[in-house]
Amino acid sequence: MAAIETNPPADAPIVVKNLTMAYGDYVIQRDLSFTVNRGDIFVIMGGSGSGKSTLLRHLVGLKEPVKGQVLYDRVDFWKAPAEEQERIKRRLGVLFQSGALWSSLTLAENVALPLGEYTDLDAKTIREVVALKLALTGLAGFEEFYPSEISGGMKKRAGLARAMALDPDILFFDEPSAGLDPISSRRLDDLILELRESLGATIVVVTHELASIFAIGNNSVFLDPESKTMIASGDPKALVESADSRVRTFLKRGES
């Protein structure tokens, strides 16, 4: 078991303490404790059925844990009043696995949705912000396209543009490379790195793709479906030589 940080940095944007996830009596993971540091590209990894996406749901406020804490800047999200929870959620941008774009809306209209819902910006300013977000994700000129008219990789980037609409300081990605060819997947990884550098965002990524894990991750937690807890944490590149054979097998799969 990797060492767990007992004294996280005071400016750590996310600290998880003794988290247990379950559906009814069925426990998915227990006793999860880890820190996401400011500026991290933090990877949640593990085998199939280990609860990676479920953990993401707990982190972004979609599912309450059975026990434990999710701290945002030392504020316990699940113990905070509703107004404080909403304030925290406004700091988060989420790219779901499917992209979750509205098929009946253009890309510009999709990205404009949260701006119209949560800000008092006028229509002209919203159009300018939308154009900027689409340009940042390589989609300048595609404002009037519908999701059905673009490729899978472009849909992921459009979903990312919408996740960035409110200028969040923390971005969450759920299997961003799922369904993409290797070239599109690499381009998305490059975009994630560029956004971290240009925006200074902290990024949390759920993925099982080795190429992405090593290309973008500098910190991580490894969830094990058999023991139902985390068995390693830290830089994925260092975990390749983990003392735990399960972690080594996962990170070295495909090697001859």
Protein backbone atom coordinates (compact mmCIF):
# COMPACT_ATOMS: atom_id res chain seq x y z
CA MET A 1 0.00 0.00 0.00
CA ALA A 2 1.37 3.40 -0.97
CA ALA A 3 1.90 5.94 1.76
CA ILE A 4 -1.04 8.28 2.28
CA GLU A 5 -0.32 11.93 2.81
CA THR A 6 -1.45 12.76 6.34
CA ASN A 7 -0.65 16.48 6.17
CA PRO A 8 -1.80 17.76 2.77
CA PRO A 9 -0.61 21.21 1.63
CA ALA A 10 -2.76 24.04 2.95
CA ASP A 11 -3.55 25.16 -0.60
CA ALA A 12 -4.56 21.70 -1.88
CA PRO A 13 -7.84 22.24 -3.76
CA ILE A 14 -9.17 18.70 -3.10
CA VAL A 15 -8.54 16.42 -0.14
CA VAL A 16 -10.41 13.12 0.23
CA LYS A 17 -10.46 11.49 3.67
CA ASN A 18 -11.62 7.97 4.58
CA LEU A 19 -14.19 7.85 1.78
CA THR A 20 -16.44 4.79 1.42
CA MET A 21 -18.61 4.32 -1.68
CA ALA A 22 -21.52 1.88 -1.81
CA TYR A 23 -24.82 1.14 -3.51
CA GLY A 24 -27.04 -0.11 -0.72
CA ASP A 25 -25.16 -2.86 1.09
CA TYR A 26 -22.73 -3.38 -1.77
CA VAL A 27 -19.43 -1.64 -1.01
CA ILE A 28 -17.51 -0.47 -4.08
CA GLN A 29 -14.49 1.14 -2.40
CA ARG A 30 -13.64 1.90 1.22
CA ASP A 31 -11.14 4.04 3.14
CA LEU A 32 -10.01 6.21 0.24
CA SER A 33 -7.69 9.04 1.32
CA PHE A 34 -5.71 11.15 -1.15
CA THR A 35 -4.80 14.72 -2.06
CA VAL A 36 -5.14 16.52 -5.39
CA ASN A 37 -2.57 19.32 -5.42
CA ARG A 38 -3.00 22.62 -7.20
CA GLY A 39 -1.97 22.29 -10.83
CA ASP A 40 -2.07 18.48 -10.81
CA ILE A 41 -3.28 16.36 -13.66
CA PHE A 42 -4.56 13.72 -11.26
CA VAL A 43 -5.46 10.31 -12.69
CA ILE A 44 -8.07 8.00 -11.14
CA MET A 45 -7.11 4.57 -12.45
CA GLY A 46 -7.79 0.92 -11.85
CA GLY A 47 -9.27 -2.17 -13.45
CA SER A 48 -12.79 -2.61 -14.75
CA GLY A 49 -15.40 -2.39 -12.02
CA SER A 50 -13.11 -0.65 -9.55
CA GLY A 51 -15.41 2.36 -9.13
CA LYS A 52 -13.45 5.03 -11.02
CA SER A 53 -16.47 6.82 -12.49
CA THR A 54 -18.40 6.39 -9.24
CA LEU A 55 -15.59 8.16 -7.40
CA LEU A 56 -15.83 11.00 -9.90
CA ARG A 57 -19.56 11.30 -9.16
CA HIS A 58 -18.77 11.62 -5.45
CA LEU A 59 -16.19 14.31 -6.16
CA VAL A 60 -18.43 16.50 -8.34
CA GLY A 61 -21.46 16.38 -6.04
CA LEU A 62 -23.65 13.88 -7.89
CA LYS A 63 -23.59 11.12 -5.25
CA GLU A 64 -23.08 11.38 -1.51
CA PRO A 65 -20.59 8.93 0.04
CA VAL A 66 -21.60 6.46 2.71
CA LYS A 67 -18.92 8.00 4.92
CA GLY A 68 -15.85 10.16 4.67
CA GLN A 69 -15.08 13.66 3.46
CA VAL A 70 -14.52 15.49 0.19
CA LEU A 71 -12.82 18.77 1.08
CA TYR A 72 -12.60 21.71 -1.33
CA ASP A 73 -10.13 24.23 0.07
CA ARG A 74 -10.75 22.64 3.49
CA VAL A 75 -14.56 22.96 3.19
CA ASP A 76 -16.38 19.62 3.63
CA PHE A 77 -18.62 19.57 0.55
CA TRP A 78 -21.16 17.06 1.84
CA LYS A 79 -21.51 18.81 5.21
CA ALA A 80 -21.75 22.31 3.70
CA PRO A 81 -25.09 24.13 3.33
CA ALA A 82 -26.75 24.03 -0.08
CA GLU A 83 -25.63 27.56 -0.97
CA GLU A 84 -21.99 26.67 -0.27
CA GLN A 85 -22.30 23.46 -2.29
CA GLU A 86 -23.58 25.46 -5.26
CA ARG A 87 -20.68 27.91 -4.90
CA ILE A 88 -18.22 25.02 -4.99
CA LYS A 89 -19.94 23.44 -8.01
CA ARG A 90 -19.54 26.69 -9.91
CA ARG A 91 -15.76 26.19 -9.60
CA LEU A 92 -15.98 22.79 -11.32
CA GLY A 93 -16.15 21.90 -14.99
CA VAL A 94 -17.08 18.34 -15.99
CA LEU A 95 -16.58 16.50 -19.28
CA PHE A 96 -18.65 13.33 -19.18
CA GLN A 97 -17.66 10.24 -21.15
CA SER A 98 -20.27 10.75 -23.88
CA GLY A 99 -19.63 14.49 -24.18
CA ALA A 100 -23.30 14.97 -23.18
CA LEU A 101 -23.99 17.55 -25.89
CA TRP A 102 -27.58 18.48 -26.73
CA SER A 103 -28.11 17.08 -30.24
CA SER A 104 -30.75 19.70 -31.11
CA LEU A 105 -28.39 22.61 -30.35
CA THR A 106 -25.40 23.91 -32.28
CA LEU A 107 -21.97 23.80 -30.69
CA ALA A 108 -22.24 27.51 -29.90
CA GLU A 109 -25.64 27.02 -28.27
CA ASN A 110 -24.31 24.08 -26.23
CA VAL A 111 -21.41 26.12 -24.87
CA ALA A 112 -23.67 29.12 -24.24
CA LEU A 113 -26.08 27.13 -22.04
CA PRO A 114 -24.23 27.48 -18.71
CA LEU A 115 -23.41 31.11 -19.47
CA GLY A 116 -27.07 31.92 -19.96
CA GLU A 117 -28.07 29.92 -16.90
CA TYR A 118 -25.51 31.10 -14.36
CA THR A 119 -24.33 34.57 -15.45
CA ASP A 120 -25.83 37.98 -16.22
CA LEU A 121 -23.77 38.44 -19.37
CA ASP A 122 -25.49 40.04 -22.35
CA ALA A 123 -25.95 38.14 -25.61
CA LYS A 124 -22.99 39.83 -27.35
CA THR A 125 -20.59 38.99 -24.52
CA ILE A 126 -21.85 35.39 -24.39
CA ARG A 127 -21.15 35.03 -28.13
CA GLU A 128 -17.62 36.33 -27.58
CA VAL A 129 -16.99 33.95 -24.68
CA VAL A 130 -18.38 31.01 -26.67
CA ALA A 131 -16.13 31.83 -29.64
CA LEU A 132 -13.11 31.99 -27.31
CA LYS A 133 -13.85 28.65 -25.64
CA LEU A 134 -14.38 26.91 -28.97
CA ALA A 135 -11.15 28.44 -30.30
CA LEU A 136 -9.25 27.24 -27.23
CA THR A 137 -10.37 23.69 -28.00
CA GLY A 138 -9.55 23.91 -31.71
CA LEU A 139 -13.12 24.40 -32.91
CA ALA A 140 -13.03 27.97 -34.24
CA GLY A 141 -15.39 28.18 -37.21
CA PHE A 142 -17.60 25.31 -36.05
CA GLU A 143 -20.00 27.42 -33.98
CA GLU A 144 -23.05 26.62 -36.13
CA PHE A 145 -22.37 22.91 -36.55
CA TYR A 146 -24.57 20.35 -34.80
CA PRO A 147 -23.07 17.41 -32.85
CA SER A 148 -24.23 14.98 -35.57
CA GLU A 149 -22.12 16.86 -38.11
CA ILE A 150 -18.74 16.48 -36.37
CA SER A 151 -16.39 13.64 -35.45
CA GLY A 152 -16.13 11.88 -32.09
CA GLY A 153 -12.94 13.72 -31.21
CA MET A 154 -14.55 17.05 -32.05
CA LYS A 155 -17.53 16.19 -29.86
CA LYS A 156 -15.17 15.59 -26.93
CA ARG A 157 -13.52 18.95 -27.57
CA ALA A 158 -16.91 20.67 -27.78
CA GLY A 159 -17.87 19.06 -24.48
CA LEU A 160 -14.62 20.39 -23.04
CA ALA A 161 -15.39 23.88 -24.34
CA ARG A 162 -18.73 23.77 -22.52
CA ALA A 163 -17.06 22.45 -19.34
CA MET A 164 -14.76 25.50 -19.52
CA ALA A 165 -17.55 28.01 -20.14
CA LEU A 166 -17.67 29.36 -16.57
CA ASP A 167 -13.87 29.50 -16.18
CA PRO A 168 -13.65 26.70 -13.58
CA ASP A 169 -10.40 26.26 -11.70
CA ILE A 170 -10.91 22.48 -11.48
CA LEU A 171 -11.78 20.30 -14.50
CA PHE A 172 -13.00 16.69 -14.32
CA PHE A 173 -12.80 14.31 -17.29
CA ASP A 174 -14.52 10.90 -17.35
CA GLU A 175 -12.72 8.58 -19.81
CA PRO A 176 -12.01 11.41 -22.29
CA SER A 177 -10.32 9.08 -24.80
CA ALA A 178 -13.12 6.48 -24.84
CA GLY A 179 -14.17 5.70 -28.41
CA LEU A 180 -11.40 7.75 -30.00
CA ASP A 181 -8.73 6.54 -32.42
CA PRO A 182 -5.10 6.81 -31.21
CA ILE A 183 -4.42 10.04 -33.12
CA SER A 184 -7.54 11.80 -31.79
CA SER A 185 -6.76 10.51 -28.30
CA ARG A 186 -3.22 11.93 -28.47
CA ARG A 187 -4.53 15.28 -29.67
CA LEU A 188 -6.94 15.40 -26.74
CA ASP A 189 -4.10 14.58 -24.32
CA ASP A 190 -2.05 17.43 -25.84
CA LEU A 191 -5.02 19.76 -25.43
CA ILE A 192 -5.41 18.81 -21.76
CA LEU A 193 -1.73 19.60 -21.16
CA GLU A 194 -2.05 22.92 -22.99
CA LEU A 195 -5.09 23.91 -20.93
CA ARG A 196 -3.33 23.08 -17.69
CA GLU A 197 -0.40 25.29 -18.71
CA SER A 198 -2.40 28.19 -20.18
CA LEU A 199 -5.27 28.32 -17.67
CA GLY A 200 -3.49 27.06 -14.56
CA ALA A 201 -6.35 24.64 -13.96
CA THR A 202 -6.24 21.57 -11.73
CA ILE A 203 -7.44 18.52 -13.69
CA VAL A 204 -8.83 15.18 -12.50
CA VAL A 205 -9.07 12.43 -15.14
CA VAL A 206 -10.72 9.01 -14.97
CA THR A 207 -9.00 6.76 -17.48
CA HIS A 208 -7.66 3.26 -18.06
CA GLU A 209 -5.72 4.24 -21.21
CA LEU A 210 -2.00 3.73 -20.55
CA ALA A 211 -0.88 6.19 -23.22
CA SER A 212 -2.93 8.95 -21.61
CA ILE A 213 -1.94 8.01 -18.06
CA PHE A 214 1.77 8.36 -18.84
CA ALA A 215 1.41 11.32 -21.22
CA ILE A 216 -0.54 13.64 -18.92
CA GLY A 217 -0.63 12.31 -15.34
CA ASN A 218 1.68 13.60 -12.63
CA ASN A 219 -0.32 12.26 -9.67
CA SER A 220 -2.81 9.43 -9.26
CA VAL A 221 -4.72 6.97 -7.15
CA PHE A 222 -5.08 3.29 -8.02
CA LEU A 223 -8.39 1.59 -7.09
CA ASP A 224 -8.39 -2.18 -6.71
CA PRO A 225 -11.70 -4.00 -7.33
CA GLU A 226 -10.71 -7.10 -5.32
CA SER A 227 -9.63 -5.51 -2.05
CA LYS A 228 -12.12 -2.65 -2.62
CA THR A 229 -9.69 0.07 -1.63
CA MET A 230 -6.80 2.10 -2.99
CA ILE A 231 -3.53 0.21 -3.16
CA ALA A 232 -1.23 2.92 -4.57
CA SER A 233 -0.99 6.65 -5.10
CA GLY A 234 1.54 9.04 -6.63
CA ASP A 235 3.13 9.75 -10.01
CA PRO A 236 2.12 6.97 -12.45
CA LYS A 237 5.63 6.91 -13.91
CA ALA A 238 6.99 6.02 -10.48
CA LEU A 239 4.23 3.48 -9.80
CA VAL A 240 5.44 1.34 -12.72
CA GLU A 241 7.93 -0.08 -10.22
CA SER A 242 5.37 -0.37 -7.40
CA ALA A 243 5.93 -3.08 -4.81
CA ASP A 244 2.35 -4.24 -5.49
CA SER A 245 2.19 -6.67 -8.41
CA ARG A 246 -1.38 -5.63 -9.24
CA VAL A 247 -0.27 -2.07 -9.92
CA ARG A 248 2.77 -3.20 -11.94
CA THR A 249 0.64 -5.59 -14.01
CA PHE A 250 -1.88 -2.83 -14.81
CA LEU A 251 0.74 -0.27 -15.78
CA LYS A 252 2.94 -2.69 -17.75
CA ARG A 253 0.19 -4.52 -19.61
CA GLY A 254 0.92 -4.87 -23.27
CA GLU A 255 4.68 -5.08 -22.73
CA SER A 256 6.41 -8.10 -24.23
